[in-house]
C-alpha atoms as a PDB file:
ATOM      1  CA  MET A   1       0.000   0.000   0.000  1.00  0.00           C
ATOM      2  CA  HIS A   2       1.396   3.404  -0.982  1.00  0.00           C
ATOM      3  CA  GLU A   3       1.553   5.863   1.883  1.00  0.00           C
ATOM      4  CA  ILE A   4       0.806   9.524   1.354  1.00  0.00           C
ATOM      5  CA  ASP A   5       3.250  12.386   1.672  1.00  0.00           C
ATOM      6  CA  TYR A   6       2.398  15.894   2.776  1.00  0.00           C
ATOM      7  CA  VAL A   7       2.827  18.947   0.587  1.00  0.00           C
ATOM      8  CA  SER A   8       3.980  22.394   1.630  1.00  0.00           C
ATOM      9  CA  LEU A   9       2.466  25.246  -0.374  1.00  0.00           C
ATOM     10  CA  ASP A  10       3.921  28.773  -0.111  1.00  0.00           C
ATOM     11  CA  ALA A  11       0.833  30.529  -1.489  1.00  0.00           C
ATOM     12  CA  ASP A  12      -2.853  30.625  -0.649  1.00  0.00           C
ATOM     13  CA  ALA A  13      -5.129  28.402  -2.688  1.00  0.00           C
ATOM     14  CA  GLU A  14      -8.915  28.591  -2.728  1.00  0.00           C
ATOM     15  CA  CYS A  15     -11.518  25.921  -3.364  1.00  0.00           C
ATOM     16  CA  PRO A  16     -12.894  26.417  -6.913  1.00  0.00           C
ATOM     17  CA  VAL A  17     -16.329  25.263  -5.709  1.00  0.00           C
ATOM     18  CA  CYS A  18     -16.969  27.482  -2.670  1.00  0.00           C
ATOM     19  CA  GLY A  19     -13.958  29.828  -2.341  1.00  0.00           C
ATOM     20  CA  GLU A  20     -12.775  28.531   1.047  1.00  0.00           C
ATOM     21  CA  LYS A  21      -9.019  28.684   1.716  1.00  0.00           C
ATOM     22  CA  LEU A  22      -7.480  25.219   1.291  1.00  0.00           C
ATOM     23  CA  ALA A  23      -4.980  23.605   3.666  1.00  0.00           C
ATOM     24  CA  ASN A  24      -3.518  20.173   4.483  1.00  0.00           C
ATOM     25  CA  PHE A  25      -2.199  19.226   1.055  1.00  0.00           C
ATOM     26  CA  GLU A  26      -1.221  15.611   0.320  1.00  0.00           C
ATOM     27  CA  THR A  27       0.246  13.643  -2.579  1.00  0.00           C
ATOM     28  CA  LYS A  28       0.580  10.060  -3.718  1.00  0.00           C
ATOM     29  CA  SER A  29       3.275  10.944  -6.280  1.00  0.00           C
ATOM     30  CA  GLY A  30       6.083  11.306  -3.718  1.00  0.00           C
ATOM     31  CA  PRO A  31       8.226   8.597  -2.110  1.00  0.00           C
ATOM     32  CA  GLY A  32       5.405   7.440   0.180  1.00  0.00           C
ATOM     33  CA  ALA A  33       7.443   7.900   3.341  1.00  0.00           C
ATOM     34  CA  GLN A  34       5.030  10.320   5.065  1.00  0.00           C
ATOM     35  CA  VAL A  35       7.451  13.212   4.582  1.00  0.00           C
ATOM     36  CA  THR A  36       6.664  16.840   3.780  1.00  0.00           C
ATOM     37  CA  LEU A  37       7.587  17.876   0.242  1.00  0.00           C
ATOM     38  CA  ASP A  38       7.568  21.266  -1.413  1.00  0.00           C
ATOM     39  CA  PHE A  39       4.774  21.391  -4.018  1.00  0.00           C
ATOM     40  CA  ARG A  40       7.401  21.952  -6.738  1.00  0.00           C
ATOM     41  CA  GLU A  41       8.745  18.435  -6.101  1.00  0.00           C
ATOM     42  CA  VAL A  42       5.561  16.652  -7.212  1.00  0.00           C
ATOM     43  CA  ASP A  43       3.433  16.606 -10.370  1.00  0.00           C
ATOM     44  CA  SER A  44       0.125  16.430  -8.510  1.00  0.00           C
ATOM     45  CA  PHE A  45      -1.301  16.952  -5.041  1.00  0.00           C
ATOM     46  CA  TYR A  46      -4.722  17.412  -3.460  1.00  0.00           C
ATOM     47  CA  SER A  47      -6.655  18.815  -0.538  1.00  0.00           C
ATOM     48  CA  ARG A  48     -10.154  18.344   0.875  1.00  0.00           C
ATOM     49  CA  CYS A  49     -12.135  21.551   1.360  1.00  0.00           C
ATOM     50  CA  THR A  50     -13.247  21.866   4.978  1.00  0.00           C
ATOM     51  CA  LYS A  51     -16.363  23.826   3.987  1.00  0.00           C
ATOM     52  CA  CYS A  52     -17.917  21.993   1.001  1.00  0.00           C
ATOM     53  CA  LYS A  53     -15.955  18.694   1.364  1.00  0.00           C
ATOM     54  CA  SER A  54     -14.839  18.697  -2.289  1.00  0.00           C
ATOM     55  CA  ILE A  55     -11.501  17.079  -3.063  1.00  0.00           C
ATOM     56  CA  ILE A  56      -9.438  19.563  -5.039  1.00  0.00           C
ATOM     57  CA  GLU A  57      -6.679  18.158  -7.210  1.00  0.00           C
ATOM     58  CA  PHE A  58      -3.736  20.191  -8.479  1.00  0.00           C
ATOM     59  CA  SER A  59      -1.990  18.745 -11.555  1.00  0.00           C
ATOM     60  CA  LEU A  60       1.027  20.174 -13.335  1.00  0.00           C
ATOM     61  CA  LYS A  61      -0.220  21.738 -16.603  1.00  0.00           C
ATOM     62  CA  ASP A  62       2.939  21.174 -18.665  1.00  0.00           C
ATOM     63  CA  PRO A  63       6.037  18.973 -18.313  1.00  0.00           C
ATOM     64  CA  VAL A  64       8.912  20.713 -16.529  1.00  0.00           C
ATOM     65  CA  LYS A  65      12.638  20.029 -16.727  1.00  0.00           C
ATOM     66  CA  ALA A  66      14.182  19.096 -13.395  1.00  0.00           C
ATOM     67  CA  GLY A  67      16.261  22.291 -13.241  1.00  0.00           C
ATOM     68  CA  ASP A  68      13.197  24.486 -13.809  1.00  0.00           C
ATOM     69  CA  ARG A  69      11.075  23.163 -10.926  1.00  0.00           C
ATOM     70  CA  GLU A  70      12.223  25.861  -8.496  1.00  0.00           C
ATOM     71  CA  LYS A  71      10.576  28.457 -10.788  1.00  0.00           C
ATOM     72  CA  LEU A  72       7.122  26.869 -10.515  1.00  0.00           C
ATOM     73  CA  THR A  73       4.225  28.671  -8.847  1.00  0.00           C
ATOM     74  CA  VAL A  74       0.834  27.282  -7.914  1.00  0.00           C
ATOM     75  CA  ASP A  75      -0.434  28.878 -11.159  1.00  0.00           C
ATOM     76  CA  ASN A  76       1.535  26.238 -13.105  1.00  0.00           C
ATOM     77  CA  TYR A  77      -0.894  23.634 -11.728  1.00  0.00           C
ATOM     78  CA  GLN A  78      -4.407  22.997 -13.006  1.00  0.00           C
ATOM     79  CA  LYS A  79      -6.895  23.065 -10.131  1.00  0.00           C
ATOM     80  CA  LYS A  80     -10.077  21.010 -10.365  1.00  0.00           C
ATOM     81  CA  SER A  81     -12.694  19.508  -8.104  1.00  0.00           C
ATOM     82  CA  VAL A  82     -12.791  15.760  -8.409  1.00  0.00           C
ATOM     83  CA  ILE A  83     -15.645  15.120  -5.949  1.00  0.00           C
ATOM     84  CA  TYR A  84     -18.545  17.400  -5.094  1.00  0.00           C
END
């Protein structure tokens, strides 16, 4: 069973369904060692909105070279609700 890792985000992100500020980001695309990773280290991560309970997934819009990852912002990730 793959364990989750936690994701640190240095910007505010809002739920696209209700506008609530999101927190407690997780990923399954890390090493699975229950460590905290910077969001730039993973291609996708997610959070559950505490207000409307939607799961919001962030997926990298375009492939990025390893040396360019430090330039990424949260705007480089597509944000979508996967469960209402």
